[in-house]
Amino acid sequence: MPDTLGFRMKFGITTPSTNTIVQPEYDDLRPHGVTNHLGRMHIPPMAIRTAADFDESIRLIAAALDGAVDRVMTCEPGYLILGISAVSVAGGTRATSDAMRERMRTRAGRPIGVSHAGDALPAALKAYGLGPGARIAMFDPYFPSIEGPQRSFFKEHGYEVLRVKHLQGASPVLYAHTSVAEMIDTVLEIDGKDIDAIIQFGANLPFARLAGEAERWLRKPVISVNSATYWHACRQNGILDRRPEYSRLWSEF
């Protein structure tokens, strides 16, 4: 017999212990018959004052991934999701992004599918009909040291990154305190007639609902990393439920 509540799917989700946004945003998107189960990657609520501090936080998160996979696999999920975007593209190439997916699959100890931002964001752009040559703008709560890998990753997929803004949050916990007003101002700042789509990085930035609103103002794709990653996981498993309030990605594709 299937799980009583998760009779369609049990997702095992790994996300940093400091993250307060992945769980509620994924739960808001969760279709009936699907359940979400988190394994936390332990890091301290450290101060982020410099790029070196930020890089160290990413190193600590990556080091804690295996233990989080071990913990979440004990509930016997049917599929895994990596709930942090920086780690999924930290190497700056498709190969390193693929290696992160394979690391999770291998650690799980049995055949299981995995979705992460490195899979989901290119898939979302393609769903919108944006192929190689499309021009994108991005923003995140991180420090500029992530920008090189971000640009390299999207360039390999054929996308031109024209503008990036890093909000430089003061700690991994405080990323989630970013105000709606600041995110709206940021989207308007990086947008322009030369931009085909806007992408938000940073799984602890509360942007999923706002992305759908921004699409209606700007009349172009605005992609939240959490919304895209959970969408990818659902669609990979034949879960086709629609959520029109969460942008065209969830209402049309």
Protein backbone atom coordinates (compact mmCIF):
# COMPACT_ATOMS: atom_id res chain seq x y z
CA MET A 1 0.00 0.00 0.00
CA PRO A 2 1.23 3.56 -0.69
CA ASP A 3 1.82 6.16 1.99
CA THR A 4 -1.59 7.38 3.19
CA LEU A 5 -0.88 11.09 2.65
CA GLY A 6 1.92 10.85 0.08
CA PHE A 7 0.20 8.33 -2.15
CA ARG A 8 1.38 10.11 -5.33
CA MET A 9 4.90 11.01 -4.19
CA LYS A 10 7.08 11.53 -1.14
CA PHE A 11 9.74 14.11 -1.91
CA GLY A 12 12.95 14.02 0.13
CA ILE A 13 14.34 17.57 0.24
CA THR A 14 17.79 18.63 1.40
CA THR A 15 18.21 22.28 2.37
CA PRO A 16 20.46 24.23 4.77
CA SER A 17 19.49 24.30 8.43
CA THR A 18 19.37 28.11 8.21
CA ASN A 19 16.79 28.09 5.40
CA THR A 20 13.25 29.14 6.37
CA ILE A 21 11.83 29.65 2.86
CA VAL A 22 12.17 26.32 1.01
CA GLN A 23 9.83 24.45 3.33
CA PRO A 24 6.89 26.90 3.27
CA GLU A 25 7.22 27.68 -0.46
CA TYR A 26 7.40 24.01 -1.42
CA ASP A 27 4.47 23.27 0.89
CA ASP A 28 2.42 26.03 -0.72
CA LEU A 29 3.11 24.44 -4.11
CA ARG A 30 2.50 20.87 -2.92
CA PRO A 31 -0.27 19.08 -4.85
CA HIS A 32 -2.77 16.82 -3.12
CA GLY A 33 -1.29 13.39 -2.54
CA VAL A 34 2.29 14.67 -2.48
CA THR A 35 4.28 15.16 0.74
CA ASN A 36 7.53 17.02 1.42
CA HIS A 37 10.15 15.74 3.88
CA LEU A 38 13.24 17.77 4.78
CA GLY A 39 16.76 16.69 5.63
CA ARG A 40 18.71 19.66 6.97
CA MET A 41 22.33 20.44 6.01
CA HIS A 42 23.70 21.83 9.26
CA ILE A 43 25.52 25.16 9.17
CA PRO A 44 25.75 27.86 11.85
CA PRO A 45 23.84 31.15 11.49
CA MET A 46 27.15 32.78 10.62
CA ALA A 47 27.72 36.43 9.74
CA ILE A 48 28.39 37.07 6.05
CA ARG A 49 30.45 40.26 5.71
CA THR A 50 32.73 39.42 2.80
CA ALA A 51 32.91 37.20 -0.26
CA ALA A 52 35.23 34.91 1.72
CA ASP A 53 32.54 34.49 4.39
CA PHE A 54 29.98 33.68 1.71
CA ASP A 55 32.29 31.15 0.05
CA GLU A 56 32.86 29.47 3.41
CA SER A 57 29.09 29.17 3.97
CA ILE A 58 28.74 27.40 0.63
CA ARG A 59 31.64 25.09 1.49
CA LEU A 60 29.98 24.17 4.79
CA ILE A 61 26.65 23.52 3.10
CA ALA A 62 28.21 21.27 0.46
CA ALA A 63 30.10 19.36 3.17
CA ALA A 64 26.85 18.75 5.07
CA LEU A 65 24.93 17.40 2.07
CA ASP A 66 25.72 13.71 2.50
CA GLY A 67 24.43 13.61 6.08
CA ALA A 68 21.23 15.36 5.04
CA VAL A 69 20.66 12.79 2.29
CA ASP A 70 21.27 9.99 4.81
CA ARG A 71 18.67 11.42 7.17
CA VAL A 72 15.95 12.08 4.63
CA MET A 73 16.37 8.70 2.95
CA THR A 74 15.17 7.00 6.15
CA CYS A 75 11.58 8.06 5.32
CA GLU A 76 11.95 6.18 2.00
CA PRO A 77 11.15 9.02 -0.40
CA GLY A 78 10.41 8.40 -4.05
CA TYR A 79 12.47 11.32 -5.36
CA LEU A 80 15.05 13.82 -4.08
CA ILE A 81 15.24 17.62 -4.41
CA LEU A 82 18.25 19.80 -3.60
CA GLY A 83 16.81 22.92 -1.99
CA ILE A 84 19.72 25.31 -2.49
CA SER A 85 20.69 26.92 -5.78
CA ALA A 86 24.28 28.07 -5.15
CA VAL A 87 25.61 24.54 -4.58
CA SER A 88 23.97 23.24 -7.74
CA VAL A 89 25.94 25.61 -10.01
CA ALA A 90 28.98 26.31 -7.82
CA GLY A 91 31.36 24.65 -10.28
CA GLY A 92 30.15 26.80 -13.14
CA THR A 93 29.70 23.99 -15.68
CA ARG A 94 27.07 21.50 -16.72
CA ALA A 95 29.46 18.70 -15.73
CA THR A 96 29.86 19.94 -12.15
CA SER A 97 26.12 20.51 -11.88
CA ASP A 98 25.48 16.97 -13.11
CA ALA A 99 28.07 15.68 -10.64
CA MET A 100 26.13 17.24 -7.74
CA ARG A 101 23.00 15.39 -8.86
CA GLU A 102 24.95 12.14 -9.15
CA ARG A 103 26.50 12.69 -5.72
CA MET A 104 23.03 12.77 -4.17
CA ARG A 105 21.86 9.76 -6.15
CA THR A 106 24.91 7.73 -5.17
CA ARG A 107 24.61 8.71 -1.52
CA ALA A 108 20.96 7.65 -1.51
CA GLY A 109 22.13 4.08 -1.94
CA ARG A 110 19.46 3.06 -4.41
CA PRO A 111 18.19 4.23 -7.81
CA ILE A 112 16.33 7.51 -7.31
CA GLY A 113 15.74 10.66 -9.33
CA VAL A 114 17.06 14.07 -8.28
CA SER A 115 16.08 17.63 -9.23
CA HIS A 116 18.11 20.73 -8.48
CA ALA A 117 18.39 24.28 -9.78
CA GLY A 118 20.97 23.28 -12.37
CA ASP A 119 18.33 21.07 -13.99
CA ALA A 120 15.29 23.19 -13.28
CA LEU A 121 16.30 26.66 -14.46
CA PRO A 122 17.38 25.65 -18.00
CA ALA A 123 14.26 23.46 -18.23
CA ALA A 124 12.07 26.39 -17.16
CA LEU A 125 13.63 28.72 -19.73
CA LYS A 126 13.04 26.13 -22.45
CA ALA A 127 9.43 25.66 -21.30
CA TYR A 128 8.90 29.37 -21.91
CA GLY A 129 10.30 28.92 -25.41
CA LEU A 130 13.60 30.66 -24.61
CA GLY A 131 16.41 28.79 -26.29
CA PRO A 132 20.08 29.59 -26.89
CA GLY A 133 20.72 33.28 -27.41
CA ALA A 134 18.06 34.45 -24.98
CA ARG A 135 19.19 37.28 -22.71
CA ILE A 136 18.61 37.02 -18.98
CA ALA A 137 19.02 39.11 -15.84
CA MET A 138 19.50 37.55 -12.42
CA PHE A 139 19.45 38.51 -8.77
CA ASP A 140 20.19 36.70 -5.52
CA PRO A 141 20.92 37.33 -1.82
CA TYR A 142 24.54 36.23 -2.27
CA PHE A 143 27.94 37.90 -2.71
CA PRO A 144 29.59 38.59 -6.09
CA SER A 145 31.93 35.58 -5.86
CA ILE A 146 29.03 33.41 -7.09
CA GLU A 147 28.64 35.43 -10.28
CA GLY A 148 31.46 33.82 -12.24
CA PRO A 149 30.05 30.30 -11.86
CA GLN A 150 26.52 31.57 -12.57
CA ARG A 151 27.56 33.27 -15.80
CA SER A 152 29.67 30.31 -16.90
CA PHE A 153 26.87 27.84 -16.22
CA PHE A 154 24.28 29.74 -18.25
CA LYS A 155 26.73 30.49 -21.03
CA GLU A 156 27.32 26.76 -21.46
CA HIS A 157 23.55 26.35 -21.83
CA GLY A 158 23.54 29.05 -24.50
CA TYR A 159 22.10 31.96 -22.50
CA GLU A 160 23.57 35.44 -22.28
CA VAL A 161 23.56 36.94 -18.78
CA LEU A 162 23.34 40.70 -19.25
CA ARG A 163 22.85 41.87 -15.67
CA VAL A 164 23.25 40.41 -12.17
CA LYS A 165 22.54 42.00 -8.81
CA HIS A 166 23.73 40.49 -5.52
CA LEU A 167 21.85 41.72 -2.45
CA GLN A 168 24.68 40.62 -0.11
CA GLY A 169 22.59 39.43 2.81
CA ALA A 170 24.24 39.69 6.23
CA SER A 171 23.74 36.00 7.09
CA PRO A 172 22.12 32.89 5.59
CA VAL A 173 19.19 33.39 7.99
CA LEU A 174 18.78 37.05 7.06
CA TYR A 175 18.42 36.25 3.35
CA ALA A 176 14.84 35.36 4.26
CA HIS A 177 14.27 38.82 5.79
CA THR A 178 14.58 40.56 2.42
CA SER A 179 11.52 42.76 2.02
CA VAL A 180 9.02 42.60 -0.80
CA ALA A 181 9.79 46.24 -1.57
CA GLU A 182 13.51 45.49 -1.99
CA MET A 183 12.79 42.56 -4.28
CA ILE A 184 10.39 44.64 -6.41
CA ASP A 185 12.97 47.43 -6.68
CA THR A 186 15.61 44.88 -7.68
CA VAL A 187 13.48 43.31 -10.40
CA LEU A 188 12.70 46.74 -11.85
CA GLU A 189 16.38 47.73 -11.68
CA ILE A 190 17.70 44.72 -13.62
CA ASP A 191 14.85 44.57 -16.15
CA GLY A 192 14.93 46.31 -19.51
CA LYS A 193 13.91 45.99 -23.14
CA ASP A 194 17.07 43.98 -23.72
CA ILE A 195 16.04 41.31 -21.18
CA ASP A 196 14.04 38.23 -22.22
CA ALA A 197 13.67 36.69 -18.74
CA ILE A 198 14.52 37.35 -15.11
CA ILE A 199 15.81 34.62 -12.80
CA GLN A 200 15.95 34.74 -9.01
CA PHE A 201 18.66 32.65 -7.36
CA GLY A 202 18.88 31.88 -3.67
CA ALA A 203 16.49 29.35 -2.15
CA ASN A 204 16.16 31.36 1.07
CA LEU A 205 14.78 34.40 -0.74
CA PRO A 206 10.94 34.55 -0.48
CA PHE A 207 10.14 35.25 -4.12
CA ALA A 208 7.86 32.46 -5.40
CA ARG A 209 4.54 34.32 -5.24
CA LEU A 210 6.08 37.63 -6.20
CA ALA A 211 7.52 36.06 -9.37
CA GLY A 212 4.01 35.40 -10.66
CA GLU A 213 2.98 38.98 -9.93
CA ALA A 214 6.11 40.35 -11.62
CA GLU A 215 5.35 38.36 -14.76
CA ARG A 216 2.03 40.15 -15.04
CA TRP A 217 3.66 43.58 -14.64
CA LEU A 218 6.59 42.97 -16.95
CA ARG A 219 4.94 40.63 -19.46
CA LYS A 220 7.96 38.35 -19.62
CA PRO A 221 9.12 35.23 -17.76
CA VAL A 222 10.14 35.84 -14.15
CA ILE A 223 11.46 32.63 -12.60
CA SER A 224 11.74 31.88 -8.89
CA VAL A 225 14.32 29.18 -8.20
CA ASN A 226 12.14 27.43 -5.60
CA SER A 227 9.09 27.46 -7.84
CA ALA A 228 11.13 26.18 -10.79
CA THR A 229 12.89 23.43 -8.84
CA TYR A 230 9.68 22.08 -7.32
CA TRP A 231 7.95 22.36 -10.72
CA HIS A 232 10.78 20.35 -12.30
CA ALA A 233 10.52 17.64 -9.65
CA CYS A 234 6.76 17.38 -10.10
CA ARG A 235 6.89 17.29 -13.89
CA GLN A 236 9.69 14.69 -13.86
CA ASN A 237 7.33 12.46 -11.93
CA GLY A 238 4.26 13.00 -14.11
CA ILE A 239 2.60 15.31 -11.56
CA LEU A 240 0.95 17.90 -13.82
CA ASP A 241 -1.14 19.92 -11.35
CA ARG A 242 -1.53 23.60 -12.25
CA ARG A 243 -1.04 26.59 -9.93
CA PRO A 244 -1.86 29.74 -11.92
CA GLU A 245 -1.03 32.08 -9.03
CA TYR A 246 2.59 30.90 -9.28
CA SER A 247 3.40 32.21 -12.75
CA ARG A 248 2.97 30.77 -16.23
CA LEU A 249 5.47 28.05 -15.41
CA TRP A 250 2.89 26.44 -13.14
CA SER A 251 -0.22 27.39 -15.09
CA GLU A 252 0.83 26.47 -18.63
CA PHE A 253 3.74 24.02 -18.65
